[in-house]
Each structure stands twice: as structure tokens, then as C-alpha cells.
Amino acid sequence: MKTKNLRYLAIASFISAATIFSSCSKNNDNKPTTPTPVAVTGVKLTTDAKFGAIITDNAGRALYAFAKDAGTTSNCVDGCAVTWPVFYKANPSIGTGLDAADFGVITRADGSKQTTYKNWPLYYFMNDAAQGDVKGDGVAGLWVVAKADYTVMVASAQLVGHDGANYNDQGIAGTGASSYLTDAKGHTLYLFTKDASQKNNFTKSDFSNDAVWPLDNVDAIGSIPSILTKGDFTLINTFGKSQLVYKNHPLYFFGQDAGVKGSTKGVSFPTPGAAIWKILNSGTPAL
């Protein structure tokens, strides 16, 4: 009898040990693991509930453009670059819906590289702590989340006229940065003070003077930076071409800006200080 009891005790002990071992193994299997960070290889379009399709890195982290990067260099340095870390990837992978030809590289003042999109250097925002955060858009009225379908962008810089002198946003001599509208690639847009509301009074029907002040021909209005009001933008028909309008002002480029990002020569043409052609911004009164 004693032998039989000992056999039962041995079996029970074995079962108990197996159960404990199994339980420990299960707990080990369920132990939380830290996810491996996604390696940054390039860029893609990511759908955001507020902004729609935005440009992010391939891990989904939002990218931004800076209005003060009006020219061909980055103006976010030192402490700014801590808050807004530079995005750079050599030979980046390009996600569906983006064109590799729109991406480029600049060399920053410190010799480091930075990726650009449609001539705008790209940045992260330090306060975007979690994937899906887009907290940097609109900061200080100078930061814009990157998107592929902007119809216009906003720049902020000293205006320099055709005569080489400094001007303010009223088209008269003055120093200091002015905010102004550009197309998606940073080319300056202007209004003609002799236009009427929703009516182009400059362009000739045969477009013989269009090279001097090319109208901004836009087939449809896409995204608009959130620091502007999309309802302020409309389209008019100018001799068969669809021209972009802001606050009832038809929009133009200046031929002698020669497609150079940041060039604002039109503010002093044809007569310095006459303010016949002006830049536009959120403070521009409606016609």
C-alpha cells in the first residue's frame, strides 16, 4: 500500500512540475517585446484624417516645408534644426503617387545634405512623438505639412526688386521679411493693380505679352496650405486659359524672375516704387 501511495505522489509531483514549466513557458512567450524600428529608406504618401494625403517618410512620420526657405538654401539652422530635424536620404525609395523627379538634394551651410521636394527642403517636427502625429502644420504661420498636390505655397523673405533694392509687401522701399504666395515650386505670384475683380486687364487675347507677365494657368485647385483659406481661391477663363485667382485678384508670374525660386524682381517693375505689380499674402485685401 505504501509503495502504491508513493507511486501516486511521484506522478502528482511530475504533473505539477510540468504544469509550472508550461505556465512559465507561456508567460515567457507572452512577454511584451519592443517593436523593431522601421528603417528609413525614403518617402511615401500617407493618408491623414485632417490633411488627406501627406508626404511622410516610409515609416509614416510627417514631413514639413518652411516658408523662410524661400530661396534655394535652408534657413532653419542651429536651434531651429533641433526643433525641426532635417530629413535626408540618399537615393530615397519613392512611394506610389509621388514623382522621383520632384525630389532633390541641397547642401546645407554646415556641409550636411537635405532632401527637397519641389525645391522645398524637408524637415521632421520634434513634437511629432507618435506615428500619425501632424503637430507641426501651421506653427508660427511658417510651417506647412508636405503634400504632393498644393496649388500654392507660402514664402517669407526680404523682397528684392528688379533694380536690386529692397521692398516691402506694399511694393515700396523697405526692409524686413514679407510673406507672399508662390506656386507649388516656390515661384513668386503677383497681382496687377489695374485688374478688376475676377478680370484680367493685362493679358492680350493673342497672348503676345504673356511672356512678360505669364498668367498662372491652373486646370484645377488642389490643396491649399492650412494657413490660407481655400475659399479665397477661384479660377477664371482668360481667353481660353484657366487662370488662378486669389481674393478676386488674377495671378501672374514675372517673366524676368526666370523660374528662379525666391526671385521677386517684379515688385519694382516697370517703375521702382510705383507698386503697379505686387505680391500677395493673407493680408491682401479682396478686390
Protein backbone atom coordinates (compact mmCIF):
# COMPACT_ATOMS: atom_id res chain seq x y z
CA MET A 1 0.00 0.00 0.00
CA LYS A 2 2.83 2.32 0.90
CA THR A 3 4.50 1.62 -2.44
CA LYS A 4 1.30 2.42 -4.30
CA ASN A 5 0.94 5.76 -2.45
CA LEU A 6 4.50 6.67 -3.24
CA ARG A 7 3.81 5.97 -6.93
CA TYR A 8 0.79 8.30 -6.86
CA LEU A 9 2.84 11.02 -5.15
CA ALA A 10 5.56 10.76 -7.78
CA ILE A 11 3.05 11.03 -10.62
CA ALA A 12 1.35 14.02 -8.98
CA SER A 13 4.69 15.76 -8.48
CA PHE A 14 5.59 15.20 -12.14
CA ILE A 15 2.26 16.64 -13.32
CA SER A 16 2.63 19.66 -11.03
CA ALA A 17 6.16 20.37 -12.28
CA ALA A 18 5.06 20.04 -15.90
CA THR A 19 2.20 22.46 -15.27
CA ILE A 20 4.53 25.02 -13.70
CA PHE A 21 7.03 24.63 -16.54
CA SER A 22 4.24 25.05 -19.10
CA SER A 23 2.94 28.13 -17.29
CA CYS A 24 6.39 29.71 -17.19
CA SER A 25 6.93 28.97 -20.84
CA LYS A 26 3.61 30.61 -21.70
CA ASN A 27 4.49 33.70 -19.69
CA ASN A 28 7.83 33.95 -21.45
CA ASP A 29 6.11 33.63 -24.81
CA ASN A 30 3.69 36.45 -23.91
CA LYS A 31 6.37 38.78 -22.61
CA PRO A 32 6.00 42.18 -24.37
CA THR A 33 8.65 42.80 -26.97
CA THR A 34 9.90 46.15 -28.20
CA PRO A 35 9.00 46.51 -31.90
CA THR A 36 11.95 46.89 -34.24
CA PRO A 37 12.03 50.46 -35.62
CA VAL A 38 11.27 50.68 -39.33
CA ALA A 39 14.41 51.64 -41.24
CA VAL A 40 14.01 54.91 -43.11
CA THR A 41 14.54 54.21 -46.80
CA GLY A 42 12.60 57.05 -48.43
CA VAL A 43 9.22 58.73 -48.74
CA LYS A 44 5.61 57.84 -49.37
CA LEU A 45 2.09 59.27 -49.29
CA THR A 46 0.22 58.63 -46.05
CA THR A 47 -3.48 59.35 -45.51
CA ASP A 48 -4.20 61.67 -42.59
CA ALA A 49 -7.72 62.22 -41.26
CA LYS A 50 -7.33 66.02 -41.27
CA PHE A 51 -4.95 66.78 -44.13
CA GLY A 52 -5.65 63.95 -46.55
CA ALA A 53 -2.64 62.54 -48.41
CA ILE A 54 0.56 63.93 -46.88
CA ILE A 55 4.20 63.19 -47.57
CA THR A 56 5.89 61.13 -44.86
CA ASP A 57 8.98 59.01 -44.62
CA ASN A 58 8.37 55.32 -45.32
CA ALA A 59 7.81 54.75 -41.59
CA GLY A 60 4.87 57.18 -41.65
CA ARG A 61 6.46 60.18 -39.93
CA ALA A 62 5.22 63.54 -41.31
CA LEU A 63 7.50 65.87 -43.30
CA TYR A 64 7.26 69.67 -43.50
CA ALA A 65 8.33 72.71 -45.53
CA PHE A 66 9.46 76.06 -44.05
CA ALA A 67 8.22 79.36 -45.52
CA LYS A 68 11.54 81.06 -44.77
CA ASP A 69 13.24 78.66 -47.18
CA ALA A 70 12.02 80.97 -49.93
CA GLY A 71 15.23 80.74 -51.93
CA THR A 72 17.49 77.82 -52.73
CA THR A 73 19.01 77.23 -49.28
CA SER A 74 17.77 76.18 -45.85
CA ASN A 75 17.21 78.91 -43.27
CA CYS A 76 16.45 76.53 -40.41
CA VAL A 77 19.76 76.21 -38.59
CA ASP A 78 21.13 75.91 -35.05
CA GLY A 79 18.25 75.76 -32.53
CA CYS A 80 15.67 75.69 -35.30
CA ALA A 81 17.21 72.50 -36.67
CA VAL A 82 16.89 70.89 -33.23
CA THR A 83 13.14 71.51 -33.18
CA TRP A 84 12.85 70.73 -36.88
CA PRO A 85 15.32 67.94 -37.67
CA VAL A 86 16.49 67.73 -41.27
CA PHE A 87 15.23 64.90 -43.47
CA TYR A 88 17.80 63.36 -45.77
CA LYS A 89 18.04 60.05 -47.53
CA ALA A 90 20.43 59.37 -50.39
CA ASN A 91 18.66 57.69 -53.31
CA PRO A 92 15.34 57.52 -51.45
CA SER A 93 12.67 54.97 -52.23
CA ILE A 94 9.67 56.79 -53.76
CA GLY A 95 6.16 55.69 -52.85
CA THR A 96 3.20 55.35 -55.19
CA GLY A 97 1.71 58.69 -56.25
CA LEU A 98 4.99 60.59 -55.94
CA ASP A 99 7.36 61.53 -58.78
CA ALA A 100 11.08 60.94 -58.25
CA ALA A 101 11.79 63.98 -60.44
CA ASP A 102 10.26 66.25 -57.76
CA PHE A 103 12.91 65.25 -55.20
CA GLY A 104 16.37 66.74 -54.97
CA VAL A 105 19.21 67.45 -52.56
CA ILE A 106 20.80 70.63 -51.23
CA THR A 107 23.98 71.12 -49.26
CA ARG A 108 23.38 73.00 -46.03
CA ALA A 109 25.66 75.69 -44.59
CA ASP A 110 27.34 73.12 -42.33
CA GLY A 111 28.07 70.83 -45.28
CA SER A 112 25.36 68.28 -44.49
CA LYS A 113 22.76 67.18 -47.02
CA GLN A 114 19.00 67.68 -47.07
CA THR A 115 16.29 66.21 -49.27
CA THR A 116 14.00 68.65 -51.09
CA TYR A 117 10.55 68.27 -52.61
CA LYS A 118 9.58 70.64 -55.44
CA ASN A 119 12.52 72.84 -54.34
CA TRP A 120 11.43 72.95 -50.66
CA PRO A 121 13.81 71.42 -48.07
CA LEU A 122 12.07 68.78 -45.94
CA TYR A 123 12.03 68.51 -42.14
CA TYR A 124 10.57 66.49 -39.30
CA PHE A 125 8.93 68.13 -36.26
CA MET A 126 10.38 67.23 -32.86
CA ASN A 127 6.94 67.24 -31.19
CA ASP A 128 5.53 64.59 -33.54
CA ALA A 129 6.15 61.94 -30.89
CA ALA A 130 3.90 59.19 -32.25
CA GLN A 131 3.36 57.80 -35.72
CA GLY A 132 0.44 59.68 -37.24
CA ASP A 133 1.15 62.97 -35.45
CA VAL A 134 0.96 66.09 -37.63
CA LYS A 135 1.50 68.75 -34.98
CA GLY A 136 3.87 70.96 -36.95
CA ASP A 137 1.50 72.26 -39.59
CA GLY A 138 0.79 75.99 -39.20
CA VAL A 139 3.37 76.58 -36.44
CA ALA A 140 4.22 80.33 -36.34
CA GLY A 141 2.39 80.65 -39.66
CA LEU A 142 5.60 79.44 -41.32
CA TRP A 143 5.46 75.64 -41.36
CA VAL A 144 3.41 73.58 -43.79
CA VAL A 145 2.94 69.83 -43.85
CA ALA A 146 4.30 68.47 -47.13
CA LYS A 147 1.72 67.47 -49.75
CA ALA A 148 2.00 66.47 -53.38
CA ASP A 149 -0.98 68.46 -54.66
CA TYR A 150 -0.54 72.01 -53.35
CA THR A 151 -1.68 74.64 -55.83
CA VAL A 152 0.18 77.39 -53.98
CA MET A 153 2.75 77.67 -51.19
CA VAL A 154 3.72 80.45 -48.78
CA ALA A 155 7.19 82.04 -48.65
CA SER A 156 8.66 84.59 -46.26
CA ALA A 157 11.70 86.66 -47.20
CA GLN A 158 13.05 90.10 -48.00
CA LEU A 159 11.61 91.25 -51.34
CA VAL A 160 14.31 92.38 -53.78
CA GLY A 161 13.17 94.20 -56.90
CA HIS A 162 14.38 94.24 -60.48
CA ASP A 163 16.50 97.28 -59.53
CA GLY A 164 18.28 95.38 -56.74
CA ALA A 165 16.65 97.47 -53.97
CA ASN A 166 14.69 96.12 -51.00
CA TYR A 167 10.88 96.39 -50.91
CA ASN A 168 8.08 95.60 -48.51
CA ASP A 169 4.78 93.84 -49.20
CA GLN A 170 3.18 97.14 -50.23
CA GLY A 171 5.62 97.46 -53.10
CA ILE A 172 7.51 100.42 -51.67
CA ALA A 173 11.09 100.66 -50.43
CA GLY A 174 11.56 98.88 -47.12
CA THR A 175 13.46 96.17 -45.30
CA GLY A 176 12.18 93.13 -43.48
CA ALA A 177 10.74 89.77 -44.46
CA SER A 178 7.39 89.74 -46.25
CA SER A 179 5.09 86.77 -46.60
CA TYR A 180 3.97 86.06 -50.16
CA LEU A 181 2.31 83.44 -52.31
CA THR A 182 4.19 81.20 -54.71
CA ASP A 183 3.27 78.27 -56.87
CA ALA A 184 4.00 74.77 -55.57
CA LYS A 185 7.67 75.05 -56.60
CA GLY A 186 8.27 78.42 -54.94
CA HIS A 187 7.92 80.73 -57.95
CA THR A 188 6.58 84.13 -56.90
CA LEU A 189 3.00 85.12 -57.76
CA TYR A 190 1.85 88.70 -58.35
CA LEU A 191 -1.29 90.79 -58.75
CA PHE A 192 -1.77 93.61 -61.29
CA THR A 193 -3.21 96.71 -59.64
CA LYS A 194 -5.12 97.65 -62.81
CA ASP A 195 -7.12 94.42 -62.88
CA ALA A 196 -10.80 94.38 -61.91
CA SER A 197 -12.43 91.83 -59.65
CA GLN A 198 -12.13 88.41 -61.30
CA LYS A 199 -10.96 90.09 -64.54
CA ASN A 200 -7.54 90.08 -66.17
CA ASN A 201 -6.91 93.51 -67.74
CA PHE A 202 -3.31 92.83 -68.73
CA THR A 203 -3.13 89.77 -70.97
CA LYS A 204 -3.84 90.34 -74.67
CA SER A 205 -6.17 87.99 -76.49
CA ASP A 206 -3.30 86.71 -78.66
CA PHE A 207 -1.07 86.25 -75.60
CA SER A 208 1.60 88.41 -77.26
CA ASN A 209 2.51 89.96 -73.88
CA ASP A 210 2.16 86.79 -71.85
CA ALA A 211 5.93 86.23 -71.74
CA VAL A 212 6.33 89.49 -69.78
CA TRP A 213 3.77 88.55 -67.11
CA PRO A 214 2.69 84.94 -67.70
CA LEU A 215 -0.69 84.21 -66.18
CA ASP A 216 -0.85 81.40 -63.64
CA ASN A 217 -2.55 78.72 -65.70
CA VAL A 218 -4.10 76.13 -63.35
CA ASP A 219 -6.53 73.46 -64.52
CA ALA A 220 -7.97 72.81 -61.06
CA ILE A 221 -7.46 73.97 -57.50
CA GLY A 222 -5.78 71.31 -55.40
CA SER A 223 -4.71 71.54 -51.77
CA ILE A 224 -4.04 74.91 -50.17
CA PRO A 225 -1.77 75.38 -47.12
CA SER A 226 -3.89 75.47 -43.97
CA ILE A 227 -2.55 78.93 -43.05
CA LEU A 228 -4.56 80.23 -46.03
CA THR A 229 -8.29 79.99 -46.76
CA LYS A 230 -9.11 77.71 -49.67
CA GLY A 231 -12.34 79.59 -50.38
CA ASP A 232 -10.26 82.66 -51.33
CA PHE A 233 -9.06 80.82 -54.45
CA THR A 234 -11.09 80.58 -57.64
CA LEU A 235 -10.49 80.19 -61.39
CA ILE A 236 -11.39 82.48 -64.28
CA ASN A 237 -11.32 81.95 -68.04
CA THR A 238 -8.80 84.27 -69.68
CA PHE A 239 -9.06 83.84 -73.45
CA GLY A 240 -9.45 80.10 -73.11
CA LYS A 241 -6.90 79.59 -70.33
CA SER A 242 -7.84 78.79 -66.75
CA GLN A 243 -6.21 81.44 -64.52
CA LEU A 244 -5.83 81.15 -60.76
CA VAL A 245 -7.41 83.95 -58.72
CA TYR A 246 -6.83 84.92 -55.08
CA LYS A 247 -9.31 87.18 -53.30
CA ASN A 248 -10.61 88.15 -56.77
CA HIS A 249 -7.09 89.12 -57.98
CA PRO A 250 -5.95 87.22 -61.10
CA LEU A 251 -2.47 85.80 -60.52
CA TYR A 252 0.69 86.15 -62.64
CA PHE A 253 4.36 85.25 -62.71
CA PHE A 254 7.07 87.72 -63.76
CA GLY A 255 8.96 86.60 -66.85
CA GLN A 256 12.26 88.05 -65.64
CA ASP A 257 12.09 86.00 -62.44
CA ALA A 258 13.09 83.31 -64.95
CA GLY A 259 11.59 80.48 -62.92
CA VAL A 260 14.09 81.02 -60.09
CA LYS A 261 12.73 80.10 -56.66
CA GLY A 262 12.79 83.14 -54.38
CA SER A 263 13.17 85.75 -57.13
CA THR A 264 10.84 88.74 -56.56
CA LYS A 265 12.04 91.15 -59.26
CA GLY A 266 8.51 92.04 -60.33
CA VAL A 267 7.87 94.23 -57.28
CA SER A 268 9.83 97.10 -58.85
CA PHE A 269 8.89 96.65 -62.50
CA PRO A 270 8.44 98.62 -64.68
CA THR A 271 8.83 101.62 -62.34
CA PRO A 272 10.60 101.26 -58.96
CA GLY A 273 8.36 102.28 -56.08
CA ALA A 274 5.24 102.63 -58.23
CA ALA A 275 3.77 99.37 -56.85
CA ILE A 276 1.99 98.52 -60.09
CA TRP A 277 2.66 94.83 -59.56
CA LYS A 278 2.52 93.44 -56.03
CA ILE A 279 3.00 90.21 -54.16
CA LEU A 280 0.03 88.65 -52.34
CA ASN A 281 -0.42 87.30 -48.82
CA SER A 282 -3.13 86.65 -46.24
CA GLY A 283 -3.36 90.42 -45.62
CA THR A 284 -4.09 91.27 -49.25
CA PRO A 285 -7.50 92.99 -49.43
CA ALA A 286 -10.07 91.43 -51.73
CA LEU A 287 -10.99 93.24 -54.93
